[in-house]
Every structure is written in structure tokens, then in C-alpha cells.
Amino acid sequence: MRRIVIGITSLEQHIEAVKANPEHYRPRCCPHCGIKLLWRHGHYERKAGRQLEQRSLNPVPICRYLCSGCQRTCSRLPECIAPRRWYDWSVQQEALKPRLKGCSAGHRADYGGPDERTVDRWWQWLKARSDLFEFHLRARFAELGRAAGFDALWRQVFASLGLARAMAILDHELSVP
């Protein structure tokens, strides 16, 4: 099951989609048992707007669906919200860009960005999974095959797709974060 809905790239767009067409978030089948009968089961709220420059939209609703077979709930997130992460993909991408250019330090927490230890964790997470991520991305996007090495590939991914779209695409094949 895709946990990330591709094409919803901002919190404003997500809130509108939840109001206008919550069925867009309905999974095709239960990720736990595979039954295709899921009922809308309200929503939970999540703090997703953690960027300083944007007005606060928190909390944002995340639609939940209940499986009629196993009675478990599931939900799907928009492309702009990272699963199991405090900061969204755009903040992570901006914090990782200096590392890809060879700088040892990324954004600093005193400027409202993530703490350096958090950026280190993201960097280690990306490096540890990079071979698998690279395999799937290069198989799908031929132009990424020209990028030689970890840094060059991820700079090209950030420039062409963006981290959010890349992770949403990878989420179909793998479990990201």
C-alpha cells in the first residue's frame, strides 16, 4: 500500500483535499489483511507545519479508515508530510543540501531549523539506505544514471524531483522512514 499520496504538495492543498474529496486518501485495500472494504473512520490531528516562515495551519487532519475484516485502522499522508518525522520533506531537503555540497554543518537550530544532531541522523539515514533508494530511482528515471556517486545523485534528485516526490515514489516499492 502506498502510504503517501502523490500530488498533494502543500498543507493548504491537503486541507482542501480533505474537505472536498477525502476519498482521495482511501487506500485500495487494508495494509494489514488485504481486504478491500475500508470505511471512513474519522481523522486524527497532526502538527505538520513546522516552518517558521509559513503561517501555522496546525493541527492538520489526517483521514483514518477502518478495515471491516480485521478491524484495524490505517491512513495515508500527503506528499508534503513525512511519515514518522517531526519536520516535513522540504525542511529535510534544505538541511541536507549543504552536506551534499561538502559542508560539514547544515542548518543550525538557533535559526529555527532542526538541530545539528537531527540533521546528522537524517544524513546517516539517507546514506544507509542510499544504495537501495538509488537502485529504484535510477531504474525509474534514466537521467539519474548520469550522476556519479552519492552526492551527485542526491543533488540531482533534489533539483529534478525534490526529496518529497522521490520519497513518495519510493514509498510504492519500499517503506520510507
N, C-alpha and C. Protein backbone atom coordinates (compact mmCIF):
# COMPACT_ATOMS: atom_id res chain seq x y z
N MET A 1 0.84 -1.19 0.00
CA MET A 1 0.00 0.00 0.00
C MET A 1 0.88 1.24 0.00
N ARG A 2 0.54 2.16 -0.84
CA ARG A 2 1.21 3.45 -0.80
C ARG A 2 0.72 4.22 0.42
N ARG A 3 1.65 4.59 1.29
CA ARG A 3 1.28 5.39 2.46
C ARG A 3 1.27 6.87 2.15
N ILE A 4 1.87 7.25 1.01
CA ILE A 4 1.99 8.66 0.65
C ILE A 4 1.18 8.90 -0.62
N VAL A 5 0.32 9.92 -0.57
CA VAL A 5 -0.50 10.30 -1.72
C VAL A 5 0.30 11.31 -2.54
N ILE A 6 0.66 10.92 -3.76
CA ILE A 6 1.45 11.79 -4.62
C ILE A 6 0.59 12.90 -5.18
N GLY A 7 1.16 14.10 -5.26
CA GLY A 7 0.49 15.23 -5.89
C GLY A 7 -0.05 16.27 -4.94
N ILE A 8 -0.08 15.98 -3.66
CA ILE A 8 -0.53 16.97 -2.68
C ILE A 8 0.71 17.52 -2.01
N THR A 9 1.15 18.67 -2.50
CA THR A 9 2.48 19.18 -2.16
C THR A 9 2.50 20.28 -1.11
N SER A 10 1.36 20.71 -0.61
CA SER A 10 1.35 21.74 0.43
C SER A 10 0.27 21.43 1.44
N LEU A 11 0.40 21.97 2.63
CA LEU A 11 -0.60 21.74 3.67
C LEU A 11 -1.93 22.37 3.29
N GLU A 12 -1.90 23.51 2.62
CA GLU A 12 -3.14 24.15 2.17
C GLU A 12 -3.89 23.24 1.20
N GLN A 13 -3.15 22.66 0.27
CA GLN A 13 -3.73 21.75 -0.70
C GLN A 13 -4.29 20.51 0.00
N HIS A 14 -3.59 20.02 1.00
CA HIS A 14 -4.04 18.86 1.77
C HIS A 14 -5.35 19.16 2.49
N ILE A 15 -5.42 20.28 3.16
CA ILE A 15 -6.64 20.64 3.91
C ILE A 15 -7.83 20.76 2.97
N GLU A 16 -7.61 21.37 1.81
CA GLU A 16 -8.68 21.47 0.80
C GLU A 16 -9.10 20.09 0.30
N ALA A 17 -8.14 19.21 0.07
CA ALA A 17 -8.45 17.86 -0.42
C ALA A 17 -9.23 17.06 0.62
N VAL A 18 -8.91 17.22 1.89
CA VAL A 18 -9.64 16.52 2.94
C VAL A 18 -11.08 17.01 3.01
N LYS A 19 -11.27 18.32 2.84
CA LYS A 19 -12.63 18.88 2.87
C LYS A 19 -13.43 18.49 1.62
N ALA A 20 -12.81 18.62 0.46
CA ALA A 20 -13.53 18.42 -0.80
C ALA A 20 -13.65 16.95 -1.22
N ASN A 21 -12.59 16.18 -1.06
CA ASN A 21 -12.58 14.81 -1.55
C ASN A 21 -11.74 13.90 -0.66
N PRO A 22 -12.24 13.55 0.52
CA PRO A 22 -11.45 12.68 1.40
C PRO A 22 -11.25 11.28 0.82
N GLU A 23 -12.06 10.89 -0.16
CA GLU A 23 -11.91 9.57 -0.79
C GLU A 23 -10.57 9.43 -1.51
N HIS A 24 -9.96 10.55 -1.84
CA HIS A 24 -8.65 10.55 -2.48
C HIS A 24 -7.61 9.85 -1.60
N TYR A 25 -7.85 9.89 -0.29
CA TYR A 25 -6.92 9.29 0.67
C TYR A 25 -7.25 7.84 1.00
N ARG A 26 -8.40 7.33 0.54
CA ARG A 26 -8.80 5.97 0.88
C ARG A 26 -7.84 4.96 0.23
N PRO A 27 -7.25 4.06 1.03
CA PRO A 27 -6.40 3.01 0.46
C PRO A 27 -7.24 2.03 -0.36
N ARG A 28 -6.63 1.41 -1.35
CA ARG A 28 -7.34 0.43 -2.17
C ARG A 28 -7.70 -0.82 -1.38
N CYS A 29 -6.83 -1.18 -0.44
CA CYS A 29 -7.10 -2.35 0.40
C CYS A 29 -6.41 -2.15 1.75
N CYS A 30 -6.79 -2.96 2.69
CA CYS A 30 -6.22 -2.88 4.03
C CYS A 30 -4.74 -3.30 3.98
N PRO A 31 -3.83 -2.51 4.53
CA PRO A 31 -2.42 -2.88 4.51
C PRO A 31 -2.11 -4.05 5.46
N HIS A 32 -3.04 -4.37 6.35
CA HIS A 32 -2.80 -5.42 7.33
C HIS A 32 -3.29 -6.79 6.84
N CYS A 33 -4.52 -6.83 6.27
CA CYS A 33 -5.09 -8.13 5.89
C CYS A 33 -5.42 -8.22 4.40
N GLY A 34 -5.42 -7.11 3.68
CA GLY A 34 -5.66 -7.14 2.23
C GLY A 34 -7.10 -7.03 1.80
N ILE A 35 -8.04 -6.98 2.72
CA ILE A 35 -9.46 -6.84 2.36
C ILE A 35 -9.68 -5.46 1.75
N LYS A 36 -10.55 -5.39 0.75
CA LYS A 36 -10.76 -4.15 0.02
C LYS A 36 -11.95 -3.34 0.52
N LEU A 37 -12.46 -3.63 1.69
CA LEU A 37 -13.61 -2.90 2.22
C LEU A 37 -13.17 -2.08 3.43
N LEU A 38 -12.91 -0.80 3.17
CA LEU A 38 -12.48 0.12 4.22
C LEU A 38 -13.52 1.22 4.39
N TRP A 39 -13.85 1.50 5.64
CA TRP A 39 -14.82 2.53 5.95
C TRP A 39 -14.12 3.76 6.50
N ARG A 40 -14.63 4.93 6.15
CA ARG A 40 -14.09 6.17 6.72
C ARG A 40 -14.31 6.13 8.22
N HIS A 41 -13.28 6.45 8.96
CA HIS A 41 -13.32 6.32 10.42
C HIS A 41 -12.78 7.59 11.09
N GLY A 42 -13.31 8.71 10.66
CA GLY A 42 -12.91 9.99 11.25
C GLY A 42 -11.52 10.41 10.83
N HIS A 43 -10.83 11.08 11.73
CA HIS A 43 -9.48 11.55 11.45
C HIS A 43 -8.72 11.72 12.75
N TYR A 44 -7.42 11.83 12.62
CA TYR A 44 -6.60 12.24 13.75
C TYR A 44 -5.91 13.52 13.35
N GLU A 45 -5.41 14.25 14.32
CA GLU A 45 -4.76 15.52 14.02
C GLU A 45 -3.26 15.39 14.21
N ARG A 46 -2.55 16.09 13.35
CA ARG A 46 -1.10 16.03 13.38
C ARG A 46 -0.53 17.44 13.21
N LYS A 47 0.50 17.74 13.98
CA LYS A 47 1.22 19.00 13.78
C LYS A 47 2.17 18.79 12.63
N ALA A 48 1.93 19.47 11.53
CA ALA A 48 2.77 19.26 10.36
C ALA A 48 3.46 20.54 9.90
N GLY A 49 2.92 21.69 10.21
CA GLY A 49 3.51 22.95 9.77
C GLY A 49 4.55 23.43 10.75
N ARG A 50 5.79 23.07 10.53
CA ARG A 50 6.87 23.41 11.46
C ARG A 50 7.84 24.43 10.88
N GLN A 51 7.50 25.00 9.73
CA GLN A 51 8.39 26.00 9.14
C GLN A 51 8.04 27.37 9.72
N LEU A 52 9.07 28.15 10.02
CA LEU A 52 8.86 29.45 10.64
C LEU A 52 8.19 30.45 9.72
N GLU A 53 8.53 30.40 8.42
CA GLU A 53 8.03 31.42 7.51
C GLU A 53 6.57 31.23 7.10
N GLN A 54 5.99 30.06 7.35
CA GLN A 54 4.61 29.86 6.95
C GLN A 54 3.69 30.04 8.15
N ARG A 55 2.47 30.50 7.88
CA ARG A 55 1.52 30.65 8.96
C ARG A 55 1.13 29.26 9.46
N SER A 56 0.81 29.20 10.71
CA SER A 56 0.52 27.89 11.30
C SER A 56 -0.84 27.38 10.86
N LEU A 57 -0.86 26.18 10.34
CA LEU A 57 -2.09 25.51 9.95
C LEU A 57 -2.37 24.35 10.91
N ASN A 58 -1.57 24.28 11.96
CA ASN A 58 -1.68 23.17 12.89
C ASN A 58 -2.92 23.28 13.74
N PRO A 59 -3.47 22.15 14.10
CA PRO A 59 -3.18 20.81 13.62
C PRO A 59 -3.91 20.54 12.31
N VAL A 60 -3.36 19.67 11.49
CA VAL A 60 -4.00 19.31 10.23
C VAL A 60 -4.66 17.94 10.38
N PRO A 61 -5.82 17.74 9.75
CA PRO A 61 -6.50 16.45 9.87
C PRO A 61 -5.89 15.40 8.93
N ILE A 62 -5.78 14.19 9.40
CA ILE A 62 -5.33 13.05 8.61
C ILE A 62 -6.47 12.02 8.66
N CYS A 63 -7.05 11.71 7.51
CA CYS A 63 -8.19 10.79 7.43
C CYS A 63 -7.79 9.39 7.86
N ARG A 64 -8.68 8.74 8.60
CA ARG A 64 -8.47 7.35 9.01
C ARG A 64 -9.53 6.48 8.37
N TYR A 65 -9.14 5.23 8.12
CA TYR A 65 -10.06 4.26 7.53
C TYR A 65 -10.01 2.98 8.34
N LEU A 66 -11.18 2.37 8.55
CA LEU A 66 -11.31 1.16 9.35
C LEU A 66 -11.58 -0.03 8.43
N CYS A 67 -10.82 -1.09 8.62
CA CYS A 67 -11.00 -2.31 7.83
C CYS A 67 -12.16 -3.11 8.41
N SER A 68 -13.08 -3.53 7.54
CA SER A 68 -14.23 -4.31 8.01
C SER A 68 -13.83 -5.74 8.36
N GLY A 69 -12.67 -6.19 7.90
CA GLY A 69 -12.22 -7.55 8.18
C GLY A 69 -11.47 -7.67 9.49
N CYS A 70 -10.35 -6.96 9.61
CA CYS A 70 -9.50 -7.11 10.80
C CYS A 70 -9.74 -6.04 11.86
N GLN A 71 -10.60 -5.07 11.56
CA GLN A 71 -10.97 -4.00 12.50
C GLN A 71 -9.81 -3.10 12.88
N ARG A 72 -8.77 -3.05 12.05
CA ARG A 72 -7.64 -2.15 12.30
C ARG A 72 -7.81 -0.91 11.44
N THR A 73 -7.20 0.18 11.89
CA THR A 73 -7.29 1.42 11.12
C THR A 73 -6.00 1.67 10.35
N CYS A 74 -6.12 2.46 9.30
CA CYS A 74 -4.95 2.87 8.52
C CYS A 74 -5.21 4.27 7.99
N SER A 75 -4.17 4.91 7.54
CA SER A 75 -4.29 6.25 6.99
C SER A 75 -3.20 6.46 5.95
N ARG A 76 -3.37 7.49 5.13
CA ARG A 76 -2.36 7.85 4.14
C ARG A 76 -2.06 9.33 4.29
N LEU A 77 -0.81 9.68 4.07
CA LEU A 77 -0.36 11.07 4.22
C LEU A 77 -0.17 11.73 2.87
N PRO A 78 -0.31 13.05 2.81
CA PRO A 78 0.01 13.75 1.57
C PRO A 78 1.52 13.78 1.35
N GLU A 79 1.93 14.04 0.13
CA GLU A 79 3.34 14.07 -0.24
C GLU A 79 4.15 15.03 0.62
N CYS A 80 3.54 16.11 1.08
CA CYS A 80 4.28 17.15 1.80
C CYS A 80 4.60 16.76 3.25
N ILE A 81 3.96 15.75 3.80
CA ILE A 81 4.20 15.35 5.20
C ILE A 81 5.00 14.04 5.22
N ALA A 82 6.10 14.07 5.92
CA ALA A 82 6.94 12.87 6.04
C ALA A 82 6.39 11.94 7.12
N PRO A 83 6.25 10.65 6.79
CA PRO A 83 5.79 9.70 7.82
C PRO A 83 6.81 9.58 8.95
N ARG A 84 6.31 9.57 10.15
CA ARG A 84 7.13 9.38 11.35
C ARG A 84 8.26 10.39 11.51
N ARG A 85 8.09 11.56 10.98
CA ARG A 85 9.12 12.60 11.11
C ARG A 85 8.50 13.89 11.65
N TRP A 86 9.26 14.60 12.44
CA TRP A 86 8.83 15.85 13.03
C TRP A 86 8.79 16.95 11.97
N TYR A 87 9.80 17.01 11.12
CA TYR A 87 9.88 18.03 10.07
C TYR A 87 9.45 17.44 8.74
N ASP A 88 8.89 18.30 7.88
CA ASP A 88 8.46 17.81 6.57
C ASP A 88 9.65 17.65 5.62
N TRP A 89 9.37 17.07 4.45
CA TRP A 89 10.43 16.76 3.49
C TRP A 89 11.19 18.01 3.03
N SER A 90 10.49 19.13 2.85
CA SER A 90 11.18 20.33 2.34
C SER A 90 12.21 20.85 3.34
N VAL A 91 11.90 20.78 4.63
CA VAL A 91 12.87 21.20 5.66
C VAL A 91 14.06 20.25 5.66
N GLN A 92 13.79 18.96 5.53
CA GLN A 92 14.88 17.98 5.50
C GLN A 92 15.77 18.20 4.28
N GLN A 93 15.15 18.48 3.14
CA GLN A 93 15.94 18.71 1.92
C GLN A 93 16.84 19.92 2.08
N GLU A 94 16.30 21.01 2.60
CA GLU A 94 17.11 22.23 2.78
C GLU A 94 18.23 22.02 3.79
N ALA A 95 17.98 21.21 4.81
CA ALA A 95 19.01 20.94 5.81
C ALA A 95 20.11 20.03 5.27
N LEU A 96 19.76 19.15 4.33
CA LEU A 96 20.74 18.21 3.77
C LEU A 96 21.52 18.79 2.60
N LYS A 97 21.02 19.83 1.95
CA LYS A 97 21.71 20.42 0.79
C LYS A 97 23.16 20.82 1.09
N PRO A 98 23.43 21.52 2.21
CA PRO A 98 24.83 21.88 2.48
C PRO A 98 25.74 20.66 2.62
N ARG A 99 25.23 19.57 3.16
CA ARG A 99 26.03 18.35 3.30
C ARG A 99 26.40 17.79 1.92
N LEU A 100 25.47 17.87 0.99
CA LEU A 100 25.73 17.35 -0.36
C LEU A 100 26.74 18.22 -1.11
N LYS A 101 26.89 19.46 -0.68
CA LYS A 101 27.87 20.35 -1.31
C LYS A 101 29.23 20.25 -0.64
N GLY A 102 29.33 19.40 0.38
CA GLY A 102 30.61 19.20 1.04
C GLY A 102 30.78 19.93 2.34
N CYS A 103 29.79 20.71 2.77
CA CYS A 103 29.89 21.40 4.07
C CYS A 103 29.63 20.39 5.18
N SER A 104 30.36 20.53 6.26
CA SER A 104 30.20 19.57 7.35
C SER A 104 29.01 19.90 8.23
N ALA A 105 28.59 21.14 8.24
CA ALA A 105 27.48 21.54 9.11
C ALA A 105 26.32 22.04 8.27
N GLY A 106 25.11 21.66 8.67
CA GLY A 106 23.91 22.11 7.98
C GLY A 106 23.30 23.30 8.70
N HIS A 107 21.97 23.36 8.70
CA HIS A 107 21.27 24.45 9.39
C HIS A 107 21.46 24.33 10.89
N ARG A 108 21.36 25.44 11.54
CA ARG A 108 21.51 25.45 12.98
C ARG A 108 20.15 25.67 13.63
N ALA A 109 19.93 25.05 14.77
CA ALA A 109 18.65 25.13 15.46
C ALA A 109 18.35 26.54 15.95
N ASP A 110 19.38 27.35 16.24
CA ASP A 110 19.14 28.70 16.74
C ASP A 110 18.53 29.61 15.68
N TYR A 111 18.52 29.20 14.42
CA TYR A 111 17.87 29.96 13.36
C TYR A 111 16.48 29.40 13.05
N GLY A 112 15.99 28.52 13.90
CA GLY A 112 14.67 27.96 13.72
C GLY A 112 14.65 26.66 12.95
N GLY A 113 15.79 26.23 12.47
CA GLY A 113 15.86 24.98 11.74
C GLY A 113 16.07 23.82 12.69
N PRO A 114 16.19 22.63 12.15
CA PRO A 114 16.41 21.46 13.00
C PRO A 114 17.79 21.49 13.65
N ASP A 115 17.90 20.85 14.76
CA ASP A 115 19.16 20.74 15.48
C ASP A 115 20.18 19.96 14.64
N GLU A 116 21.44 20.26 14.86
CA GLU A 116 22.51 19.61 14.10
C GLU A 116 22.51 18.09 14.27
N ARG A 117 22.17 17.61 15.47
CA ARG A 117 22.10 16.16 15.68
C ARG A 117 20.98 15.53 14.87
N THR A 118 19.88 16.27 14.70
CA THR A 118 18.77 15.78 13.88
C THR A 118 19.20 15.69 12.42
N VAL A 119 19.89 16.72 11.94
CA VAL A 119 20.38 16.70 10.56
C VAL A 119 21.39 15.56 10.39
N ASP A 120 22.22 15.31 11.39
CA ASP A 120 23.15 14.17 11.33
C ASP A 120 22.41 12.85 11.20
N ARG A 121 21.31 12.69 11.95
CA ARG A 121 20.51 11.47 11.86
C ARG A 121 19.92 11.31 10.46
N TRP A 122 19.39 12.41 9.90
CA TRP A 122 18.84 12.35 8.54
C TRP A 122 19.92 11.98 7.55
N TRP A 123 21.11 12.55 7.71
CA TRP A 123 22.23 12.29 6.81
C TRP A 123 22.62 10.81 6.88
N GLN A 124 22.73 10.28 8.09
CA GLN A 124 23.08 8.87 8.26
C GLN A 124 21.98 7.95 7.71
N TRP A 125 20.72 8.34 7.91
CA TRP A 125 19.59 7.57 7.38
C TRP A 125 19.66 7.51 5.86
N LEU A 126 19.91 8.66 5.22
CA LEU A 126 19.97 8.71 3.76
C LEU A 126 21.17 7.90 3.24
N LYS A 127 22.31 8.03 3.88
CA LYS A 127 23.50 7.28 3.45
C LYS A 127 23.30 5.77 3.61
N ALA A 128 22.67 5.36 4.71
CA ALA A 128 22.49 3.93 4.97
C ALA A 128 21.54 3.28 3.96
N ARG A 129 20.56 4.01 3.49
CA ARG A 129 19.57 3.46 2.56
C ARG A 129 19.79 3.87 1.11
N SER A 130 20.83 4.62 0.88
CA SER A 130 21.06 5.21 -0.43
C SER A 130 21.20 4.18 -1.55
N ASP A 131 21.90 3.08 -1.31
CA ASP A 131 22.07 2.09 -2.38
C ASP A 131 20.73 1.57 -2.87
N LEU A 132 19.85 1.24 -1.95
CA LEU A 132 18.53 0.74 -2.31
C LEU A 132 17.69 1.83 -2.98
N PHE A 133 17.71 3.04 -2.40
CA PHE A 133 16.97 4.16 -2.98
C PHE A 133 17.49 4.46 -4.38
N GLU A 134 18.82 4.49 -4.54
CA GLU A 134 19.43 4.78 -5.84
C GLU A 134 19.00 3.75 -6.88
N PHE A 135 19.01 2.48 -6.50
CA PHE A 135 18.62 1.42 -7.43
C PHE A 135 17.22 1.68 -7.99
N HIS A 136 16.27 1.95 -7.12
CA HIS A 136 14.89 2.15 -7.56
C HIS A 136 14.71 3.45 -8.32
N LEU A 137 15.38 4.50 -7.90
CA LEU A 137 15.26 5.79 -8.60
C LEU A 137 15.92 5.74 -9.97
N ARG A 138 17.11 5.16 -10.05
CA ARG A 138 17.79 5.06 -11.35
C ARG A 138 17.02 4.16 -12.31
N ALA A 139 16.36 3.13 -11.81
CA ALA A 139 15.57 2.25 -12.66
C ALA A 139 14.37 2.98 -13.25
N ARG A 140 13.85 3.93 -12.52
CA ARG A 140 12.67 4.66 -12.97
C ARG A 140 13.00 5.92 -13.75
N PHE A 141 14.09 6.57 -13.44
CA PHE A 141 14.48 7.83 -14.09
C PHE A 141 15.86 7.68 -14.70
N ALA A 142 15.91 7.51 -16.00
CA ALA A 142 17.16 7.24 -16.71
C ALA A 142 18.17 8.37 -16.54
N GLU A 143 17.71 9.61 -16.48
CA GLU A 143 18.64 10.75 -16.37
C GLU A 143 19.44 10.71 -15.07
N LEU A 144 18.97 10.02 -14.05
CA LEU A 144 19.73 9.90 -12.81
C LEU A 144 20.92 8.95 -12.96
N GLY A 145 20.92 8.17 -14.01
CA GLY A 145 22.03 7.26 -14.27
C GLY A 145 23.32 7.98 -14.60
N ARG A 146 23.21 9.24 -14.99
CA ARG A 146 24.41 10.01 -15.33
C ARG A 146 25.12 10.57 -14.11
N ALA A 147 24.45 10.59 -12.98
CA ALA A 147 25.04 11.13 -11.75
C ALA A 147 25.99 10.09 -11.15
N ALA A 148 27.24 10.49 -10.97
CA ALA A 148 28.25 9.57 -10.43
C ALA A 148 28.45 9.83 -8.95
N GLY A 149 28.11 8.87 -8.15
CA GLY A 149 28.35 8.98 -6.71
C GLY A 149 27.14 9.47 -5.94
N PHE A 150 27.23 9.27 -4.64
CA PHE A 150 26.16 9.61 -3.70
C PHE A 150 25.78 11.09 -3.78
N ASP A 151 26.76 11.99 -3.60
CA ASP A 151 26.47 13.43 -3.56
C ASP A 151 25.86 13.92 -4.86
N ALA A 152 26.43 13.52 -5.98
CA ALA A 152 25.94 13.98 -7.29
C ALA A 152 24.52 13.48 -7.54
N LEU A 153 24.26 12.24 -7.19
CA LEU A 153 22.92 11.70 -7.41
C LEU A 153 21.89 12.46 -6.59
N TRP A 154 22.14 12.65 -5.31
CA TRP A 154 21.14 13.30 -4.47
C TRP A 154 21.00 14.78 -4.79
N ARG A 155 22.06 15.44 -5.24
CA ARG A 155 21.90 16.82 -5.71
C ARG A 155 20.97 16.85 -6.91
N GLN A 156 21.14 15.89 -7.81
CA GLN A 156 20.29 15.82 -9.00
C GLN A 156 18.84 15.45 -8.62
N VAL A 157 18.67 14.55 -7.68
CA VAL A 157 17.32 14.20 -7.21
C VAL A 157 16.65 15.43 -6.60
N PHE A 158 17.36 16.16 -5.75
CA PHE A 158 16.80 17.36 -5.13
C PHE A 158 16.42 18.39 -6.18
N ALA A 159 17.26 18.55 -7.20
CA ALA A 159 16.99 19.56 -8.24
C ALA A 159 15.86 19.15 -9.17
N SER A 160 15.78 17.87 -9.52
CA SER A 160 14.78 17.46 -10.51
C SER A 160 13.46 17.02 -9.88
N LEU A 161 13.50 16.18 -8.87
CA LEU A 161 12.28 15.65 -8.26
C LEU A 161 11.94 16.35 -6.95
N GLY A 162 12.95 16.57 -6.15
CA GLY A 162 12.73 17.02 -4.78
C GLY A 162 12.66 15.80 -3.87
N LEU A 163 13.03 15.97 -2.63
CA LEU A 163 13.04 14.86 -1.68
C LEU A 163 11.63 14.31 -1.45
N ALA A 164 10.64 15.19 -1.36
CA ALA A 164 9.26 14.74 -1.10
C ALA A 164 8.77 13.82 -2.21
N ARG A 165 8.92 14.23 -3.46
CA ARG A 165 8.44 13.40 -4.57
C ARG A 165 9.24 12.11 -4.67
N ALA A 166 10.55 12.18 -4.47
CA ALA A 166 11.38 10.97 -4.53
C ALA A 166 10.93 9.96 -3.47
N MET A 167 10.69 10.43 -2.25
CA MET A 167 10.26 9.52 -1.19
C MET A 167 8.86 8.98 -1.44
N ALA A 168 7.98 9.79 -2.02
CA ALA A 168 6.63 9.32 -2.35
C ALA A 168 6.70 8.22 -3.42
N ILE A 169 7.59 8.38 -4.39
CA ILE A 169 7.76 7.37 -5.43
C ILE A 169 8.37 6.10 -4.84
N LEU A 170 9.37 6.27 -3.98
CA LEU A 170 10.00 5.12 -3.34
C LEU A 170 9.06 4.39 -2.39
N ASP A 171 8.11 5.11 -1.83
CA ASP A 171 7.18 4.51 -0.88
C ASP A 171 6.33 3.42 -1.54
N HIS A 172 6.20 3.46 -2.85
CA HIS A 172 5.44 2.42 -3.55
C HIS A 172 6.21 1.10 -3.53
N GLU A 173 7.54 1.17 -3.58
CA GLU A 173 8.38 -0.02 -3.63
C GLU A 173 8.90 -0.44 -2.25
N LEU A 174 9.17 0.54 -1.40
CA LEU A 174 9.84 0.30 -0.12
C LEU A 174 9.08 1.00 1.00
N SER A 175 9.54 0.82 2.21
CA SER A 175 8.99 1.56 3.33
C SER A 175 9.99 2.66 3.66
N VAL A 176 9.60 3.92 3.40
CA VAL A 176 10.46 5.03 3.76
C VAL A 176 9.95 5.62 5.04
N PRO A 177 10.75 6.34 5.71
CA PRO A 177 11.14 6.30 7.10
C PRO A 177 10.50 5.25 7.90
